[in-house]
Amino acid sequence: MAEPFESRTITVRIARPQHEVYDFASVPENFPRWASGLARSLKKVNGEWIADTPEGRVKVRFTEPNDFGILDHHIALRPGVEIYIPMRVIANGAGSEVLFTLFRLPDTTDETFARDAEWGGARPESAESAARGVTKRNGRLVGSGHADSIARWLPREMAGR
């Protein structure tokens, strides 16, 4: 029986209601906006979502829309190699919290795992960053690539509503 993977769950607070964050992040066409480190673009080809990534084209499978804030997705790097990315949007007072779990896959170096966990991590403190809802921890603004990208894009996207 295989051992469980090492994992890190990264969270970021967003100063928008849970349903607004979920409604934005659950639309596949918005994926390149909040998964900017993973996907430069996303297109539906023959019924499958195909993302252009720094490593080439990959298939992306999204969880069906739901009432629970679940945004899990699967990235098929190549036949037989699929990465599961659990992600949730939960209510946090009048705002929300995005939770993203990163699994350390076999043969991932310490350096790569740390870089992936800090992807989009520390940012200079600014009023603009705070307004976007990025969480402040130990005097530094932190987030994850996925969650922090949602925190950066959502206020801009929602401004016109």
C-alpha atoms as a PDB file:
ATOM      1  CA  MET A   1       0.000   0.000   0.000  1.00  0.00           C
ATOM      2  CA  ALA A   2       1.363   3.404  -0.984  1.00  0.00           C
ATOM      3  CA  GLU A   3       2.152   5.963   1.690  1.00  0.00           C
ATOM      4  CA  PRO A   4       0.114   9.189   1.747  1.00  0.00           C
ATOM      5  CA  PHE A   5       1.742  12.167   0.084  1.00  0.00           C
ATOM      6  CA  GLU A   6       3.137  15.013   2.138  1.00  0.00           C
ATOM      7  CA  SER A   7       0.788  17.966   1.738  1.00  0.00           C
ATOM      8  CA  ARG A   8       0.311  21.624   2.555  1.00  0.00           C
ATOM      9  CA  THR A   9      -2.996  23.419   2.690  1.00  0.00           C
ATOM     10  CA  ILE A  10      -2.699  27.072   1.782  1.00  0.00           C
ATOM     11  CA  THR A  11      -5.460  29.543   2.560  1.00  0.00           C
ATOM     12  CA  VAL A  12      -6.266  33.106   1.684  1.00  0.00           C
ATOM     13  CA  ARG A  13      -9.042  35.361   2.919  1.00  0.00           C
ATOM     14  CA  ILE A  14     -11.039  37.280   0.346  1.00  0.00           C
ATOM     15  CA  ALA A  15     -13.222  40.226   1.227  1.00  0.00           C
ATOM     16  CA  ARG A  16     -16.104  39.011  -0.953  1.00  0.00           C
ATOM     17  CA  PRO A  17     -19.029  36.710  -0.098  1.00  0.00           C
ATOM     18  CA  GLN A  18     -18.431  32.987  -0.588  1.00  0.00           C
ATOM     19  CA  HIS A  19     -20.986  32.663  -3.391  1.00  0.00           C
ATOM     20  CA  GLU A  20     -19.337  35.477  -5.412  1.00  0.00           C
ATOM     21  CA  VAL A  21     -15.884  33.921  -5.110  1.00  0.00           C
ATOM     22  CA  TYR A  22     -17.245  30.494  -6.012  1.00  0.00           C
ATOM     23  CA  ASP A  23     -19.303  31.848  -8.916  1.00  0.00           C
ATOM     24  CA  PHE A  24     -16.167  33.473 -10.373  1.00  0.00           C
ATOM     25  CA  ALA A  25     -13.732  30.613  -9.764  1.00  0.00           C
ATOM     26  CA  SER A  26     -16.100  27.841 -10.881  1.00  0.00           C
ATOM     27  CA  VAL A  27     -16.363  29.145 -14.454  1.00  0.00           C
ATOM     28  CA  PRO A  28     -13.756  27.215 -16.485  1.00  0.00           C
ATOM     29  CA  GLU A  29     -13.101  30.190 -18.760  1.00  0.00           C
ATOM     30  CA  ASN A  30     -11.851  32.110 -15.686  1.00  0.00           C
ATOM     31  CA  PHE A  31      -9.267  29.414 -14.862  1.00  0.00           C
ATOM     32  CA  PRO A  32      -6.323  31.209 -16.572  1.00  0.00           C
ATOM     33  CA  ARG A  33      -7.103  34.309 -14.511  1.00  0.00           C
ATOM     34  CA  TRP A  34      -6.804  32.616 -11.115  1.00  0.00           C
ATOM     35  CA  ALA A  35      -4.425  29.791 -12.056  1.00  0.00           C
ATOM     36  CA  SER A  36      -2.079  32.152 -13.837  1.00  0.00           C
ATOM     37  CA  GLY A  37       1.036  30.228 -12.827  1.00  0.00           C
ATOM     38  CA  LEU A  38      -0.403  27.064 -14.329  1.00  0.00           C
ATOM     39  CA  ALA A  39      -2.449  28.072 -17.358  1.00  0.00           C
ATOM     40  CA  ARG A  40      -1.867  30.840 -19.854  1.00  0.00           C
ATOM     41  CA  SER A  41      -5.045  29.945 -21.712  1.00  0.00           C
ATOM     42  CA  LEU A  42      -7.853  27.396 -21.638  1.00  0.00           C
ATOM     43  CA  LYS A  43      -9.937  26.132 -24.551  1.00  0.00           C
ATOM     44  CA  LYS A  44     -12.607  23.488 -24.943  1.00  0.00           C
ATOM     45  CA  VAL A  45     -11.497  21.031 -27.626  1.00  0.00           C
ATOM     46  CA  ASN A  46     -13.661  18.025 -28.525  1.00  0.00           C
ATOM     47  CA  GLY A  47     -15.467  18.255 -25.176  1.00  0.00           C
ATOM     48  CA  GLU A  48     -12.268  18.477 -23.091  1.00  0.00           C
ATOM     49  CA  TRP A  49     -10.661  21.506 -21.471  1.00  0.00           C
ATOM     50  CA  ILE A  50      -7.091  22.012 -22.703  1.00  0.00           C
ATOM     51  CA  ALA A  51      -4.749  24.441 -20.933  1.00  0.00           C
ATOM     52  CA  ASP A  52      -1.540  25.887 -22.310  1.00  0.00           C
ATOM     53  CA  THR A  53       1.034  25.688 -19.506  1.00  0.00           C
ATOM     54  CA  PRO A  54       4.760  26.405 -19.227  1.00  0.00           C
ATOM     55  CA  GLU A  55       5.288  22.638 -19.692  1.00  0.00           C
ATOM     56  CA  GLY A  56       2.991  22.350 -22.727  1.00  0.00           C
ATOM     57  CA  ARG A  57      -0.658  21.436 -23.196  1.00  0.00           C
ATOM     58  CA  VAL A  58      -2.525  19.585 -20.447  1.00  0.00           C
ATOM     59  CA  LYS A  59      -6.099  18.401 -19.971  1.00  0.00           C
ATOM     60  CA  VAL A  60      -8.029  19.930 -17.091  1.00  0.00           C
ATOM     61  CA  ARG A  61     -11.082  18.302 -15.553  1.00  0.00           C
ATOM     62  CA  PHE A  62     -13.243  20.421 -13.246  1.00  0.00           C
ATOM     63  CA  THR A  63     -15.669  19.395 -10.525  1.00  0.00           C
ATOM     64  CA  GLU A  64     -19.260  19.935 -11.603  1.00  0.00           C
ATOM     65  CA  PRO A  65     -20.915  23.106 -10.252  1.00  0.00           C
ATOM     66  CA  ASN A  66     -22.184  22.497  -6.732  1.00  0.00           C
ATOM     67  CA  ASP A  67     -23.666  24.220  -3.684  1.00  0.00           C
ATOM     68  CA  PHE A  68     -20.744  23.325  -1.402  1.00  0.00           C
ATOM     69  CA  GLY A  69     -17.925  25.574  -2.678  1.00  0.00           C
ATOM     70  CA  ILE A  70     -15.934  22.629  -4.025  1.00  0.00           C
ATOM     71  CA  LEU A  71     -13.540  23.634  -6.819  1.00  0.00           C
ATOM     72  CA  ASP A  72     -11.495  20.449  -7.106  1.00  0.00           C
ATOM     73  CA  HIS A  73      -9.789  19.951 -10.431  1.00  0.00           C
ATOM     74  CA  HIS A  74      -7.549  17.366 -12.063  1.00  0.00           C
ATOM     75  CA  ILE A  75      -4.626  18.143 -14.335  1.00  0.00           C
ATOM     76  CA  ALA A  76      -3.650  15.364 -16.777  1.00  0.00           C
ATOM     77  CA  LEU A  77      -0.006  16.023 -17.583  1.00  0.00           C
ATOM     78  CA  ARG A  78       0.245  13.041 -19.927  1.00  0.00           C
ATOM     79  CA  PRO A  79      -1.553   9.722 -20.286  1.00  0.00           C
ATOM     80  CA  GLY A  80      -1.575   7.983 -16.900  1.00  0.00           C
ATOM     81  CA  VAL A  81      -0.256  11.000 -14.951  1.00  0.00           C
ATOM     82  CA  GLU A  82      -2.971  13.100 -13.337  1.00  0.00           C
ATOM     83  CA  ILE A  83      -2.607  15.575 -10.493  1.00  0.00           C
ATOM     84  CA  TYR A  84      -5.544  16.008  -8.128  1.00  0.00           C
ATOM     85  CA  ILE A  85      -5.944  19.525  -6.746  1.00  0.00           C
ATOM     86  CA  PRO A  86      -8.529  19.814  -3.951  1.00  0.00           C
ATOM     87  CA  MET A  87      -9.812  23.338  -3.503  1.00  0.00           C
ATOM     88  CA  ARG A  88     -12.646  24.877  -1.475  1.00  0.00           C
ATOM     89  CA  VAL A  89     -14.287  28.243  -0.991  1.00  0.00           C
ATOM     90  CA  ILE A  90     -15.863  28.580   2.438  1.00  0.00           C
ATOM     91  CA  ALA A  91     -17.704  31.426   4.131  1.00  0.00           C
ATOM     92  CA  ASN A  92     -15.694  33.452   6.632  1.00  0.00           C
ATOM     93  CA  GLY A  93     -17.902  36.102   8.191  1.00  0.00           C
ATOM     94  CA  ALA A  94     -19.006  38.481   5.438  1.00  0.00           C
ATOM     95  CA  GLY A  95     -16.087  37.299   3.290  1.00  0.00           C
ATOM     96  CA  SER A  96     -14.673  33.951   2.334  1.00  0.00           C
ATOM     97  CA  GLU A  97     -11.633  31.742   2.619  1.00  0.00           C
ATOM     98  CA  VAL A  98     -10.110  29.796  -0.270  1.00  0.00           C
ATOM     99  CA  LEU A  99      -8.329  26.567   0.702  1.00  0.00           C
ATOM    100  CA  PHE A 100      -5.978  24.823  -1.713  1.00  0.00           C
ATOM    101  CA  THR A 101      -4.104  21.614  -0.913  1.00  0.00           C
ATOM    102  CA  LEU A 102      -0.781  20.932  -2.574  1.00  0.00           C
ATOM    103  CA  PHE A 103       0.401  17.313  -2.600  1.00  0.00           C
ATOM    104  CA  ARG A 104       4.084  16.497  -2.836  1.00  0.00           C
ATOM    105  CA  LEU A 105       4.307  13.966  -5.622  1.00  0.00           C
ATOM    106  CA  PRO A 106       7.006  11.287  -5.814  1.00  0.00           C
ATOM    107  CA  ASP A 107      10.389  12.566  -7.061  1.00  0.00           C
ATOM    108  CA  THR A 108       9.519  16.178  -6.134  1.00  0.00           C
ATOM    109  CA  THR A 109      12.578  17.835  -4.635  1.00  0.00           C
ATOM    110  CA  ASP A 110      12.451  19.797  -1.384  1.00  0.00           C
ATOM    111  CA  GLU A 111      13.218  22.952  -3.360  1.00  0.00           C
ATOM    112  CA  THR A 112      10.419  22.375  -5.889  1.00  0.00           C
ATOM    113  CA  PHE A 113       7.859  21.553  -3.199  1.00  0.00           C
ATOM    114  CA  ALA A 114       8.808  24.649  -1.197  1.00  0.00           C
ATOM    115  CA  ARG A 115       8.655  26.823  -4.336  1.00  0.00           C
ATOM    116  CA  ASP A 116       5.245  25.405  -5.291  1.00  0.00           C
ATOM    117  CA  ALA A 117       3.954  25.967  -1.747  1.00  0.00           C
ATOM    118  CA  GLU A 118       5.182  29.568  -1.806  1.00  0.00           C
ATOM    119  CA  TRP A 119       4.072  30.200  -5.411  1.00  0.00           C
ATOM    120  CA  GLY A 120       2.641  33.679  -5.270  1.00  0.00           C
ATOM    121  CA  GLY A 121       3.587  33.796  -1.611  1.00  0.00           C
ATOM    122  CA  ALA A 122       5.085  36.904  -0.022  1.00  0.00           C
ATOM    123  CA  ARG A 123       4.135  40.270  -1.477  1.00  0.00           C
ATOM    124  CA  PRO A 124       4.927  43.793  -0.407  1.00  0.00           C
ATOM    125  CA  GLU A 125       2.240  45.209   1.837  1.00  0.00           C
ATOM    126  CA  SER A 126       0.087  47.857   0.178  1.00  0.00           C
ATOM    127  CA  ALA A 127      -3.394  49.268   0.498  1.00  0.00           C
ATOM    128  CA  GLU A 128      -4.226  47.741  -2.868  1.00  0.00           C
ATOM    129  CA  SER A 129      -3.136  44.267  -1.745  1.00  0.00           C
ATOM    130  CA  ALA A 130      -5.096  44.597   1.481  1.00  0.00           C
ATOM    131  CA  ALA A 131      -8.168  45.688  -0.458  1.00  0.00           C
ATOM    132  CA  ARG A 132      -7.868  42.565  -2.549  1.00  0.00           C
ATOM    133  CA  GLY A 133      -8.247  40.474   0.585  1.00  0.00           C
ATOM    134  CA  VAL A 134      -4.811  38.887   0.708  1.00  0.00           C
ATOM    135  CA  THR A 135      -4.151  37.486   4.170  1.00  0.00           C
ATOM    136  CA  LYS A 136      -1.472  39.078   6.362  1.00  0.00           C
ATOM    137  CA  ARG A 137       0.576  36.596   8.384  1.00  0.00           C
ATOM    138  CA  ASN A 138       3.603  37.487  10.518  1.00  0.00           C
ATOM    139  CA  GLY A 139       3.755  40.923   8.927  1.00  0.00           C
ATOM    140  CA  ARG A 140       3.787  39.548   5.379  1.00  0.00           C
ATOM    141  CA  LEU A 141       1.016  39.230   2.819  1.00  0.00           C
ATOM    142  CA  VAL A 142       0.688  35.624   1.762  1.00  0.00           C
ATOM    143  CA  GLY A 143      -1.430  33.408  -0.430  1.00  0.00           C
ATOM    144  CA  SER A 144      -1.125  30.569  -2.913  1.00  0.00           C
ATOM    145  CA  GLY A 145      -0.904  30.746  -6.635  1.00  0.00           C
ATOM    146  CA  HIS A 146      -4.502  29.606  -7.019  1.00  0.00           C
ATOM    147  CA  ALA A 147      -6.063  31.258  -4.019  1.00  0.00           C
ATOM    148  CA  ASP A 148      -4.041  34.446  -4.233  1.00  0.00           C
ATOM    149  CA  SER A 149      -4.795  34.804  -7.936  1.00  0.00           C
ATOM    150  CA  ILE A 150      -8.497  34.567  -7.130  1.00  0.00           C
ATOM    151  CA  ALA A 151      -7.980  37.237  -4.458  1.00  0.00           C
ATOM    152  CA  ARG A 152      -6.283  39.501  -7.012  1.00  0.00           C
ATOM    153  CA  TRP A 153      -8.756  38.986  -9.872  1.00  0.00           C
ATOM    154  CA  LEU A 154     -12.088  38.800  -8.136  1.00  0.00           C
ATOM    155  CA  PRO A 155     -12.369  42.426  -6.975  1.00  0.00           C
ATOM    156  CA  ARG A 156     -11.488  43.644 -10.476  1.00  0.00           C
ATOM    157  CA  GLU A 157     -13.940  41.282 -12.147  1.00  0.00           C
ATOM    158  CA  MET A 158     -16.699  42.049  -9.653  1.00  0.00           C
ATOM    159  CA  ALA A 159     -16.246  45.827  -9.856  1.00  0.00           C
ATOM    160  CA  GLY A 160     -18.525  46.061 -12.861  1.00  0.00           C
ATOM    161  CA  ARG A 161     -21.411  44.209 -11.240  1.00  0.00           C
END
